Amino acid sequence: TIGELANTPDPSRVLKYVGASENQLSMVFHLDIGHIGMGNSLEDKYI
């Protein structure tokens, strides 16, 4: 299971999803790299 994990910048919170001992997800996509060059807010995403 590969989760699309948006708006979760804290690695410790991400580990709650992907730690093997947590029994939740195999891994997640950190979307930050896809957001490079985008605006800093939802309304300015495509600026």
ModelCIF file with pLDDT and N, C-alpha, C, O atoms, coordinates in Angstrom:
data_MODEL
#
_entry.id   MODEL 
#
_entity.id                         1 
_entity.type                       polymer 
_entity.pdbx_number_of_molecules   1 
#
_entity_poly.entity_id                      1 
_entity_poly.type                           'polypeptide(L)' 
_entity_poly.nstd_linkage                   no 
_entity_poly.nstd_monomer                   no 
_entity_poly.pdbx_seq_one_letter_code       TIGELANTPDPSRVLKYVGASENQLSMVFHLDIGHIGMGNSLEDKYI 
_entity_poly.pdbx_seq_one_letter_code_can   TIGELANTPDPSRVLKYVGASENQLSMVFHLDIGHIGMGNSLEDKYI 
_entity_poly.pdbx_strand_id                 A 
#
loop_
_entity_poly_seq.entity_id 
_entity_poly_seq.num 
_entity_poly_seq.mon_id 
_entity_poly_seq.hetero 
1 1  THR n 
1 2  ILE n 
1 3  GLY n 
1 4  GLU n 
1 5  LEU n 
1 6  ALA n 
1 7  ASN n 
1 8  THR n 
1 9  PRO n 
1 10 ASP n 
1 11 PRO n 
1 12 SER n 
1 13 ARG n 
1 14 VAL n 
1 15 LEU n 
1 16 LYS n 
1 17 TYR n 
1 18 VAL n 
1 19 GLY n 
1 20 ALA n 
1 21 SER n 
1 22 GLU n 
1 23 ASN n 
1 24 GLN n 
1 25 LEU n 
1 26 SER n 
1 27 MET n 
1 28 VAL n 
1 29 PHE n 
1 30 HIS n 
1 31 LEU n 
1 32 ASP n 
1 33 ILE n 
1 34 GLY n 
1 35 HIS n 
1 36 ILE n 
1 37 GLY n 
1 38 MET n 
1 39 GLY n 
1 40 ASN n 
1 41 SER n 
1 42 LEU n 
1 43 GLU n 
1 44 ASP n 
1 45 LYS n 
1 46 TYR n 
1 47 ILE n 
#
_struct_asym.id          A 
_struct_asym.entity_id   1 
#
loop_
_ma_qa_metric.id 
_ma_qa_metric.mode 
_ma_qa_metric.name 
_ma_qa_metric.software_group_id 
_ma_qa_metric.type 
1 global pLDDT . pLDDT 
2 local  pLDDT . pLDDT 
#
_ma_qa_metric_global.metric_id      1 
_ma_qa_metric_global.metric_value   95.87 
_ma_qa_metric_global.model_id       1 
_ma_qa_metric_global.ordinal_id     1 
#
loop_
_ma_qa_metric_local.label_asym_id 
_ma_qa_metric_local.label_comp_id 
_ma_qa_metric_local.label_seq_id 
_ma_qa_metric_local.metric_id 
_ma_qa_metric_local.metric_value 
_ma_qa_metric_local.model_id 
_ma_qa_metric_local.ordinal_id 
A THR 1  2 98.00 1 1  
A ILE 2  2 98.00 1 2  
A GLY 3  2 98.00 1 3  
A GLU 4  2 98.00 1 4  
A LEU 5  2 97.00 1 5  
A ALA 6  2 92.00 1 6  
A ASN 7  2 93.00 1 7  
A THR 8  2 96.00 1 8  
A PRO 9  2 96.00 1 9  
A ASP 10 2 96.00 1 10 
A PRO 11 2 97.00 1 11 
A SER 12 2 96.00 1 12 
A ARG 13 2 97.00 1 13 
A VAL 14 2 98.00 1 14 
A LEU 15 2 98.00 1 15 
A LYS 16 2 98.00 1 16 
A TYR 17 2 98.00 1 17 
A VAL 18 2 98.00 1 18 
A GLY 19 2 97.00 1 19 
A ALA 20 2 96.00 1 20 
A SER 21 2 96.00 1 21 
A GLU 22 2 97.00 1 22 
A ASN 23 2 98.00 1 23 
A GLN 24 2 98.00 1 24 
A LEU 25 2 98.00 1 25 
A SER 26 2 98.00 1 26 
A MET 27 2 98.00 1 27 
A VAL 28 2 98.00 1 28 
A PHE 29 2 97.00 1 29 
A HIS 30 2 94.00 1 30 
A LEU 31 2 94.00 1 31 
A ASP 32 2 96.00 1 32 
A ILE 33 2 97.00 1 33 
A GLY 34 2 96.00 1 34 
A HIS 35 2 96.00 1 35 
A ILE 36 2 98.00 1 36 
A GLY 37 2 98.00 1 37 
A MET 38 2 97.00 1 38 
A GLY 39 2 95.00 1 39 
A ASN 40 2 89.00 1 40 
A SER 41 2 87.00 1 41 
A LEU 42 2 86.00 1 42 
A GLU 43 2 88.00 1 43 
A ASP 44 2 93.00 1 44 
A LYS 45 2 95.00 1 45 
A TYR 46 2 97.00 1 46 
A ILE 47 2 97.00 1 47 
#
loop_
_atom_site.group_PDB 
_atom_site.id 
_atom_site.type_symbol 
_atom_site.label_atom_id 
_atom_site.label_alt_id 
_atom_site.label_comp_id 
_atom_site.label_asym_id 
_atom_site.label_entity_id 
_atom_site.label_seq_id 
_atom_site.pdbx_PDB_ins_code 
_atom_site.Cartn_x 
_atom_site.Cartn_y 
_atom_site.Cartn_z 
_atom_site.occupancy 
_atom_site.B_iso_or_equiv 
_atom_site.pdbx_formal_charge 
_atom_site.auth_seq_id 
_atom_site.auth_comp_id 
_atom_site.auth_asym_id 
_atom_site.auth_atom_id 
_atom_site.pdbx_PDB_model_num 
ATOM 1   N N  . THR A 1 1  ? 0.853  -1.188 0.000   1.00 98.00 ? 1  THR A N  1 
ATOM 2   C CA . THR A 1 1  ? 0.000  0.000  0.000   1.00 98.00 ? 1  THR A CA 1 
ATOM 3   C C  . THR A 1 1  ? 0.888  1.236  0.000   1.00 98.00 ? 1  THR A C  1 
ATOM 4   O O  . THR A 1 1  ? 1.756  1.395  0.858   1.00 98.00 ? 1  THR A O  1 
ATOM 5   N N  . ILE A 1 2  ? 0.656  2.110  -0.979  1.00 98.00 ? 2  ILE A N  1 
ATOM 6   C CA . ILE A 1 2  ? 1.425  3.348  -1.102  1.00 98.00 ? 2  ILE A CA 1 
ATOM 7   C C  . ILE A 1 2  ? 0.463  4.502  -0.949  1.00 98.00 ? 2  ILE A C  1 
ATOM 8   O O  . ILE A 1 2  ? -0.325 4.777  -1.854  1.00 98.00 ? 2  ILE A O  1 
ATOM 9   N N  . GLY A 1 3  ? 0.514  5.182  0.183   1.00 98.00 ? 3  GLY A N  1 
ATOM 10  C CA . GLY A 1 3  ? -0.432 6.250  0.458   1.00 98.00 ? 3  GLY A CA 1 
ATOM 11  C C  . GLY A 1 3  ? 0.007  7.576  -0.131  1.00 98.00 ? 3  GLY A C  1 
ATOM 12  O O  . GLY A 1 3  ? 1.187  7.926  -0.106  1.00 98.00 ? 3  GLY A O  1 
ATOM 13  N N  . GLU A 1 4  ? -0.968 8.315  -0.666  1.00 98.00 ? 4  GLU A N  1 
ATOM 14  C CA . GLU A 1 4  ? -0.717 9.693  -1.096  1.00 98.00 ? 4  GLU A CA 1 
ATOM 15  C C  . GLU A 1 4  ? -0.918 10.581 0.127   1.00 98.00 ? 4  GLU A C  1 
ATOM 16  O O  . GLU A 1 4  ? -2.048 10.869 0.522   1.00 98.00 ? 4  GLU A O  1 
ATOM 17  N N  . LEU A 1 5  ? 0.197  11.011 0.722   1.00 97.00 ? 5  LEU A N  1 
ATOM 18  C CA . LEU A 1 5  ? 0.138  11.682 2.024   1.00 97.00 ? 5  LEU A CA 1 
ATOM 19  C C  . LEU A 1 5  ? 0.437  13.170 1.847   1.00 97.00 ? 5  LEU A C  1 
ATOM 20  O O  . LEU A 1 5  ? 1.595  13.568 1.724   1.00 97.00 ? 5  LEU A O  1 
ATOM 21  N N  . ALA A 1 6  ? -0.604 13.976 1.836   1.00 92.00 ? 6  ALA A N  1 
ATOM 22  C CA . ALA A 1 6  ? -0.428 15.417 1.673   1.00 92.00 ? 6  ALA A CA 1 
ATOM 23  C C  . ALA A 1 6  ? -0.364 16.113 3.019   1.00 92.00 ? 6  ALA A C  1 
ATOM 24  O O  . ALA A 1 6  ? -0.890 15.615 4.014   1.00 92.00 ? 6  ALA A O  1 
ATOM 25  N N  . ASN A 1 7  ? 0.288  17.275 3.043   1.00 93.00 ? 7  ASN A N  1 
ATOM 26  C CA . ASN A 1 7  ? 0.235  18.185 4.189   1.00 93.00 ? 7  ASN A CA 1 
ATOM 27  C C  . ASN A 1 7  ? 0.602  17.520 5.499   1.00 93.00 ? 7  ASN A C  1 
ATOM 28  O O  . ASN A 1 7  ? -0.068 17.696 6.516   1.00 93.00 ? 7  ASN A O  1 
ATOM 29  N N  . THR A 1 8  ? 1.687  16.746 5.455   1.00 96.00 ? 8  THR A N  1 
ATOM 30  C CA . THR A 1 8  ? 2.199  16.096 6.660   1.00 96.00 ? 8  THR A CA 1 
ATOM 31  C C  . THR A 1 8  ? 3.718  16.286 6.694   1.00 96.00 ? 8  THR A C  1 
ATOM 32  O O  . THR A 1 8  ? 4.471  15.360 6.395   1.00 96.00 ? 8  THR A O  1 
ATOM 33  N N  . PRO A 1 9  ? 4.163  17.493 7.061   1.00 96.00 ? 9  PRO A N  1 
ATOM 34  C CA . PRO A 1 9  ? 5.592  17.809 6.947   1.00 96.00 ? 9  PRO A CA 1 
ATOM 35  C C  . PRO A 1 9  ? 6.476  17.222 8.036   1.00 96.00 ? 9  PRO A C  1 
ATOM 36  O O  . PRO A 1 9  ? 7.697  17.181 7.881   1.00 96.00 ? 9  PRO A O  1 
ATOM 37  N N  . ASP A 1 10 ? 5.879  16.764 9.141   1.00 96.00 ? 10 ASP A N  1 
ATOM 38  C CA . ASP A 1 10 ? 6.660  16.277 10.277  1.00 96.00 ? 10 ASP A CA 1 
ATOM 39  C C  . ASP A 1 10 ? 6.993  14.795 10.087  1.00 96.00 ? 10 ASP A C  1 
ATOM 40  O O  . ASP A 1 10 ? 6.082  13.968 10.079  1.00 96.00 ? 10 ASP A O  1 
ATOM 41  N N  . PRO A 1 11 ? 8.274  14.437 9.934   1.00 97.00 ? 11 PRO A N  1 
ATOM 42  C CA . PRO A 1 11 ? 8.634  13.024 9.732   1.00 97.00 ? 11 PRO A CA 1 
ATOM 43  C C  . PRO A 1 11 ? 8.128  12.097 10.827  1.00 97.00 ? 11 PRO A C  1 
ATOM 44  O O  . PRO A 1 11 ? 7.800  10.945 10.544  1.00 97.00 ? 11 PRO A O  1 
ATOM 45  N N  . SER A 1 12 ? 8.054  12.565 12.071  1.00 96.00 ? 12 SER A N  1 
ATOM 46  C CA . SER A 1 12 ? 7.586  11.696 13.145  1.00 96.00 ? 12 SER A CA 1 
ATOM 47  C C  . SER A 1 12 ? 6.121  11.323 12.937  1.00 96.00 ? 12 SER A C  1 
ATOM 48  O O  . SER A 1 12 ? 5.701  10.227 13.308  1.00 96.00 ? 12 SER A O  1 
ATOM 49  N N  . ARG A 1 13 ? 5.352  12.220 12.352  1.00 97.00 ? 13 ARG A N  1 
ATOM 50  C CA . ARG A 1 13 ? 3.953  11.910 12.051  1.00 97.00 ? 13 ARG A CA 1 
ATOM 51  C C  . ARG A 1 13 ? 3.854  10.958 10.858  1.00 97.00 ? 13 ARG A C  1 
ATOM 52  O O  . ARG A 1 13 ? 2.966  10.107 10.804  1.00 97.00 ? 13 ARG A O  1 
ATOM 53  N N  . VAL A 1 14 ? 4.763  11.109 9.917   1.00 98.00 ? 14 VAL A N  1 
ATOM 54  C CA . VAL A 1 14 ? 4.768  10.205 8.765   1.00 98.00 ? 14 VAL A CA 1 
ATOM 55  C C  . VAL A 1 14 ? 5.111  8.794  9.203   1.00 98.00 ? 14 VAL A C  1 
ATOM 56  O O  . VAL A 1 14 ? 4.549  7.831  8.680   1.00 98.00 ? 14 VAL A O  1 
ATOM 57  N N  . LEU A 1 15 ? 6.026  8.656  10.158  1.00 98.00 ? 15 LEU A N  1 
ATOM 58  C CA . LEU A 1 15 ? 6.401  7.324  10.646  1.00 98.00 ? 15 LEU A CA 1 
ATOM 59  C C  . LEU A 1 15 ? 5.222  6.607  11.289  1.00 98.00 ? 15 LEU A C  1 
ATOM 60  O O  . LEU A 1 15 ? 5.207  5.377  11.344  1.00 98.00 ? 15 LEU A O  1 
ATOM 61  N N  . LYS A 1 16 ? 4.242  7.348  11.772  1.00 98.00 ? 16 LYS A N  1 
ATOM 62  C CA . LYS A 1 16 ? 3.033  6.708  12.307  1.00 98.00 ? 16 LYS A CA 1 
ATOM 63  C C  . LYS A 1 16 ? 2.286  5.953  11.207  1.00 98.00 ? 16 LYS A C  1 
ATOM 64  O O  . LYS A 1 16 ? 1.577  4.984  11.477  1.00 98.00 ? 16 LYS A O  1 
ATOM 65  N N  . TYR A 1 17 ? 2.453  6.408  9.967   1.00 98.00 ? 17 TYR A N  1 
ATOM 66  C CA . TYR A 1 17 ? 1.796  5.754  8.829   1.00 98.00 ? 17 TYR A CA 1 
ATOM 67  C C  . TYR A 1 17 ? 2.627  4.599  8.270   1.00 98.00 ? 17 TYR A C  1 
ATOM 68  O O  . TYR A 1 17 ? 2.063  3.584  7.861   1.00 98.00 ? 17 TYR A O  1 
ATOM 69  N N  . VAL A 1 18 ? 3.956  4.735  8.245   1.00 98.00 ? 18 VAL A N  1 
ATOM 70  C CA . VAL A 1 18 ? 4.793  3.787  7.495   1.00 98.00 ? 18 VAL A CA 1 
ATOM 71  C C  . VAL A 1 18 ? 5.676  2.901  8.357   1.00 98.00 ? 18 VAL A C  1 
ATOM 72  O O  . VAL A 1 18 ? 6.340  2.015  7.820   1.00 98.00 ? 18 VAL A O  1 
ATOM 73  N N  . GLY A 1 19 ? 5.713  3.098  9.663   1.00 97.00 ? 19 GLY A N  1 
ATOM 74  C CA . GLY A 1 19 ? 6.482  2.195  10.507  1.00 97.00 ? 19 GLY A CA 1 
ATOM 75  C C  . GLY A 1 19 ? 5.901  0.789  10.435  1.00 97.00 ? 19 GLY A C  1 
ATOM 76  O O  . GLY A 1 19 ? 4.694  0.610  10.593  1.00 97.00 ? 19 GLY A O  1 
ATOM 77  N N  . ALA A 1 20 ? 6.746  -0.205 10.200  1.00 96.00 ? 20 ALA A N  1 
ATOM 78  C CA . ALA A 1 20 ? 6.249  -1.576 10.066  1.00 96.00 ? 20 ALA A CA 1 
ATOM 79  C C  . ALA A 1 20 ? 5.474  -2.017 11.305  1.00 96.00 ? 20 ALA A C  1 
ATOM 80  O O  . ALA A 1 20 ? 4.492  -2.751 11.199  1.00 96.00 ? 20 ALA A O  1 
ATOM 81  N N  . SER A 1 21 ? 5.912  -1.573 12.463  1.00 96.00 ? 21 SER A N  1 
ATOM 82  C CA . SER A 1 21 ? 5.251  -1.962 13.713  1.00 96.00 ? 21 SER A CA 1 
ATOM 83  C C  . SER A 1 21 ? 3.888  -1.300 13.887  1.00 96.00 ? 21 SER A C  1 
ATOM 84  O O  . SER A 1 21 ? 3.101  -1.716 14.737  1.00 96.00 ? 21 SER A O  1 
ATOM 85  N N  . GLU A 1 22 ? 3.604  -0.272 13.086  1.00 97.00 ? 22 GLU A N  1 
ATOM 86  C CA . GLU A 1 22 ? 2.312  0.419  13.191  1.00 97.00 ? 22 GLU A CA 1 
ATOM 87  C C  . GLU A 1 22 ? 1.198  -0.333 12.468  1.00 97.00 ? 22 GLU A C  1 
ATOM 88  O O  . GLU A 1 22 ? 0.020  -0.110 12.748  1.00 97.00 ? 22 GLU A O  1 
ATOM 89  N N  . ASN A 1 23 ? 1.564  -1.233 11.529  1.00 98.00 ? 23 ASN A N  1 
ATOM 90  C CA . ASN A 1 23 ? 0.566  -2.005 10.770  1.00 98.00 ? 23 ASN A CA 1 
ATOM 91  C C  . ASN A 1 23 ? -0.453 -1.101 10.070  1.00 98.00 ? 23 ASN A C  1 
ATOM 92  O O  . ASN A 1 23 ? -1.662 -1.230 10.263  1.00 98.00 ? 23 ASN A O  1 
ATOM 93  N N  . GLN A 1 24 ? 0.076  -0.176 9.243   1.00 98.00 ? 24 GLN A N  1 
ATOM 94  C CA . GLN A 1 24 ? -0.822 0.717  8.517   1.00 98.00 ? 24 GLN A CA 1 
ATOM 95  C C  . GLN A 1 24 ? -0.502 0.706  7.014   1.00 98.00 ? 24 GLN A C  1 
ATOM 96  O O  . GLN A 1 24 ? -1.202 0.041  6.251   1.00 98.00 ? 24 GLN A O  1 
ATOM 97  N N  . LEU A 1 25 ? 0.530  1.421  6.577   1.00 98.00 ? 25 LEU A N  1 
ATOM 98  C CA . LEU A 1 25 ? 0.869  1.507  5.158   1.00 98.00 ? 25 LEU A CA 1 
ATOM 99  C C  . LEU A 1 25 ? 2.290  1.015  4.920   1.00 98.00 ? 25 LEU A C  1 
ATOM 100 O O  . LEU A 1 25 ? 3.139  1.083  5.809   1.00 98.00 ? 25 LEU A O  1 
ATOM 101 N N  . SER A 1 26 ? 2.542  0.515  3.700   1.00 98.00 ? 26 SER A N  1 
ATOM 102 C CA . SER A 1 26 ? 3.897  0.088  3.351   1.00 98.00 ? 26 SER A CA 1 
ATOM 103 C C  . SER A 1 26 ? 4.816  1.291  3.214   1.00 98.00 ? 26 SER A C  1 
ATOM 104 O O  . SER A 1 26 ? 5.968  1.256  3.646   1.00 98.00 ? 26 SER A O  1 
ATOM 105 N N  . MET A 1 27 ? 4.299  2.354  2.610   1.00 98.00 ? 27 MET A N  1 
ATOM 106 C CA . MET A 1 27 ? 5.087  3.558  2.326   1.00 98.00 ? 27 MET A CA 1 
ATOM 107 C C  . MET A 1 27 ? 4.125  4.642  1.894   1.00 98.00 ? 27 MET A C  1 
ATOM 108 O O  . MET A 1 27 ? 2.944  4.377  1.671   1.00 98.00 ? 27 MET A O  1 
ATOM 109 N N  . VAL A 1 28 ? 4.623  5.864  1.775   1.00 98.00 ? 28 VAL A N  1 
ATOM 110 C CA . VAL A 1 28 ? 3.785  6.964  1.296   1.00 98.00 ? 28 VAL A CA 1 
ATOM 111 C C  . VAL A 1 28 ? 4.565  7.816  0.309   1.00 98.00 ? 28 VAL A C  1 
ATOM 112 O O  . VAL A 1 28 ? 5.795  7.813  0.285   1.00 98.00 ? 28 VAL A O  1 
ATOM 113 N N  . PHE A 1 29 ? 3.813  8.545  -0.502  1.00 97.00 ? 29 PHE A N  1 
ATOM 114 C CA . PHE A 1 29 ? 4.393  9.592  -1.336  1.00 97.00 ? 29 PHE A CA 1 
ATOM 115 C C  . PHE A 1 29 ? 4.426  10.885 -0.530  1.00 97.00 ? 29 PHE A C  1 
ATOM 116 O O  . PHE A 1 29 ? 3.394  11.350 -0.046  1.00 97.00 ? 29 PHE A O  1 
ATOM 117 N N  . HIS A 1 30 ? 5.615  11.461 -0.389  1.00 94.00 ? 30 HIS A N  1 
ATOM 118 C CA . HIS A 1 30 ? 5.763  12.795 0.181   1.00 94.00 ? 30 HIS A CA 1 
ATOM 119 C C  . HIS A 1 30 ? 5.660  13.752 -1.002  1.00 94.00 ? 30 HIS A C  1 
ATOM 120 O O  . HIS A 1 30 ? 6.509  13.716 -1.892  1.00 94.00 ? 30 HIS A O  1 
ATOM 121 N N  . LEU A 1 31 ? 4.665  14.585 -1.032  1.00 94.00 ? 31 LEU A N  1 
ATOM 122 C CA . LEU A 1 31 ? 4.338  15.335 -2.241  1.00 94.00 ? 31 LEU A CA 1 
ATOM 123 C C  . LEU A 1 31 ? 5.154  16.614 -2.414  1.00 94.00 ? 31 LEU A C  1 
ATOM 124 O O  . LEU A 1 31 ? 4.966  17.348 -3.384  1.00 94.00 ? 31 LEU A O  1 
ATOM 125 N N  . ASP A 1 32 ? 6.058  16.879 -1.472  1.00 96.00 ? 32 ASP A N  1 
ATOM 126 C CA . ASP A 1 32 ? 6.810  18.135 -1.519  1.00 96.00 ? 32 ASP A CA 1 
ATOM 127 C C  . ASP A 1 32 ? 7.542  18.338 -2.842  1.00 96.00 ? 32 ASP A C  1 
ATOM 128 O O  . ASP A 1 32 ? 7.554  19.447 -3.377  1.00 96.00 ? 32 ASP A O  1 
ATOM 129 N N  . ILE A 1 33 ? 8.146  17.291 -3.368  1.00 97.00 ? 33 ILE A N  1 
ATOM 130 C CA . ILE A 1 33 ? 8.931  17.468 -4.585  1.00 97.00 ? 33 ILE A CA 1 
ATOM 131 C C  . ILE A 1 33 ? 8.028  17.816 -5.763  1.00 97.00 ? 33 ILE A C  1 
ATOM 132 O O  . ILE A 1 33 ? 8.438  18.538 -6.672  1.00 97.00 ? 33 ILE A O  1 
ATOM 133 N N  . GLY A 1 34 ? 6.801  17.304 -5.747  1.00 96.00 ? 34 GLY A N  1 
ATOM 134 C CA . GLY A 1 34 ? 5.857  17.657 -6.789  1.00 96.00 ? 34 GLY A CA 1 
ATOM 135 C C  . GLY A 1 34 ? 5.356  19.083 -6.680  1.00 96.00 ? 34 GLY A C  1 
ATOM 136 O O  . GLY A 1 34 ? 4.838  19.638 -7.649  1.00 96.00 ? 34 GLY A O  1 
ATOM 137 N N  . HIS A 1 35 ? 5.509  19.682 -5.503  1.00 96.00 ? 35 HIS A N  1 
ATOM 138 C CA . HIS A 1 35 ? 5.031  21.049 -5.277  1.00 96.00 ? 35 HIS A CA 1 
ATOM 139 C C  . HIS A 1 35 ? 6.097  22.099 -5.540  1.00 96.00 ? 35 HIS A C  1 
ATOM 140 O O  . HIS A 1 35 ? 5.823  23.293 -5.421  1.00 96.00 ? 35 HIS A O  1 
ATOM 141 N N  . ILE A 1 36 ? 7.299  21.683 -5.895  1.00 98.00 ? 36 ILE A N  1 
ATOM 142 C CA . ILE A 1 36 ? 8.353  22.659 -6.181  1.00 98.00 ? 36 ILE A CA 1 
ATOM 143 C C  . ILE A 1 36 ? 7.889  23.590 -7.308  1.00 98.00 ? 36 ILE A C  1 
ATOM 144 O O  . ILE A 1 36 ? 7.434  23.136 -8.357  1.00 98.00 ? 36 ILE A O  1 
ATOM 145 N N  . GLY A 1 37 ? 8.013  24.880 -7.071  1.00 98.00 ? 37 GLY A N  1 
ATOM 146 C CA . GLY A 1 37 ? 7.615  25.877 -8.071  1.00 98.00 ? 37 GLY A CA 1 
ATOM 147 C C  . GLY A 1 37 ? 6.181  26.330 -7.932  1.00 98.00 ? 37 GLY A C  1 
ATOM 148 O O  . GLY A 1 37 ? 5.786  27.317 -8.552  1.00 98.00 ? 37 GLY A O  1 
ATOM 149 N N  . MET A 1 38 ? 5.380  25.626 -7.124  1.00 97.00 ? 38 MET A N  1 
ATOM 150 C CA . MET A 1 38 ? 3.979  26.021 -6.938  1.00 97.00 ? 38 MET A CA 1 
ATOM 151 C C  . MET A 1 38 ? 3.873  27.113 -5.880  1.00 97.00 ? 38 MET A C  1 
ATOM 152 O O  . MET A 1 38 ? 4.795  27.331 -5.094  1.00 97.00 ? 38 MET A O  1 
ATOM 153 N N  . GLY A 1 39 ? 2.730  27.794 -5.877  1.00 95.00 ? 39 GLY A N  1 
ATOM 154 C CA . GLY A 1 39 ? 2.480  28.805 -4.867  1.00 95.00 ? 39 GLY A CA 1 
ATOM 155 C C  . GLY A 1 39 ? 2.386  28.196 -3.485  1.00 95.00 ? 39 GLY A C  1 
ATOM 156 O O  . GLY A 1 39 ? 2.217  26.986 -3.334  1.00 95.00 ? 39 GLY A O  1 
ATOM 157 N N  . ASN A 1 40 ? 2.497  29.045 -2.479  1.00 89.00 ? 40 ASN A N  1 
ATOM 158 C CA . ASN A 1 40 ? 2.565  28.565 -1.100  1.00 89.00 ? 40 ASN A CA 1 
ATOM 159 C C  . ASN A 1 40 ? 1.205  28.257 -0.496  1.00 89.00 ? 40 ASN A C  1 
ATOM 160 O O  . ASN A 1 40 ? 1.137  27.680 0.590   1.00 89.00 ? 40 ASN A O  1 
ATOM 161 N N  . SER A 1 41 ? 0.129  28.624 -1.164  1.00 87.00 ? 41 SER A N  1 
ATOM 162 C CA . SER A 1 41 ? -1.207 28.374 -0.625  1.00 87.00 ? 41 SER A CA 1 
ATOM 163 C C  . SER A 1 41 ? -2.064 27.703 -1.685  1.00 87.00 ? 41 SER A C  1 
ATOM 164 O O  . SER A 1 41 ? -1.702 27.676 -2.861  1.00 87.00 ? 41 SER A O  1 
ATOM 165 N N  . LEU A 1 42 ? -3.198 27.162 -1.265  1.00 86.00 ? 42 LEU A N  1 
ATOM 166 C CA . LEU A 1 42 ? -4.063 26.450 -2.190  1.00 86.00 ? 42 LEU A CA 1 
ATOM 167 C C  . LEU A 1 42 ? -4.557 27.371 -3.293  1.00 86.00 ? 42 LEU A C  1 
ATOM 168 O O  . LEU A 1 42 ? -4.610 26.968 -4.455  1.00 86.00 ? 42 LEU A O  1 
ATOM 169 N N  . GLU A 1 43 ? -4.923 28.610 -2.948  1.00 88.00 ? 43 GLU A N  1 
ATOM 170 C CA . GLU A 1 43 ? -5.446 29.508 -3.966  1.00 88.00 ? 43 GLU A CA 1 
ATOM 171 C C  . GLU A 1 43 ? -4.374 29.956 -4.965  1.00 88.00 ? 43 GLU A C  1 
ATOM 172 O O  . GLU A 1 43 ? -4.697 30.351 -6.086  1.00 88.00 ? 43 GLU A O  1 
ATOM 173 N N  . ASP A 1 44 ? -3.109 29.896 -4.564  1.00 93.00 ? 44 ASP A N  1 
ATOM 174 C CA . ASP A 1 44 ? -2.017 30.307 -5.461  1.00 93.00 ? 44 ASP A CA 1 
ATOM 175 C C  . ASP A 1 44 ? -1.220 29.115 -5.993  1.00 93.00 ? 44 ASP A C  1 
ATOM 176 O O  . ASP A 1 44 ? -0.083 29.273 -6.438  1.00 93.00 ? 44 ASP A O  1 
ATOM 177 N N  . LYS A 1 45 ? -1.811 27.941 -5.945  1.00 95.00 ? 45 LYS A N  1 
ATOM 178 C CA . LYS A 1 45 ? -1.109 26.729 -6.341  1.00 95.00 ? 45 LYS A CA 1 
ATOM 179 C C  . LYS A 1 45 ? -0.462 26.849 -7.714  1.00 95.00 ? 45 LYS A C  1 
ATOM 180 O O  . LYS A 1 45 ? 0.677  26.420 -7.895  1.00 95.00 ? 45 LYS A O  1 
ATOM 181 N N  . TYR A 1 46 ? -1.166 27.422 -8.682  1.00 97.00 ? 46 TYR A N  1 
ATOM 182 C CA . TYR A 1 46 ? -0.650 27.483 -10.047 1.00 97.00 ? 46 TYR A CA 1 
ATOM 183 C C  . TYR A 1 46 ? -0.045 28.837 -10.409 1.00 97.00 ? 46 TYR A C  1 
ATOM 184 O O  . TYR A 1 46 ? 0.044  29.187 -11.586 1.00 97.00 ? 46 TYR A O  1 
ATOM 185 N N  . ILE A 1 47 ? 0.366  29.591 -9.403  1.00 97.00 ? 47 ILE A N  1 
ATOM 186 C CA . ILE A 1 47 ? 1.205  30.767 -9.642  1.00 97.00 ? 47 ILE A CA 1 
ATOM 187 C C  . ILE A 1 47 ? 2.647  30.287 -9.539  1.00 97.00 ? 47 ILE A C  1 
ATOM 188 O O  . ILE A 1 47 ? 3.574  31.080 -9.699  1.00 97.00 ? 47 ILE A O  1 
#
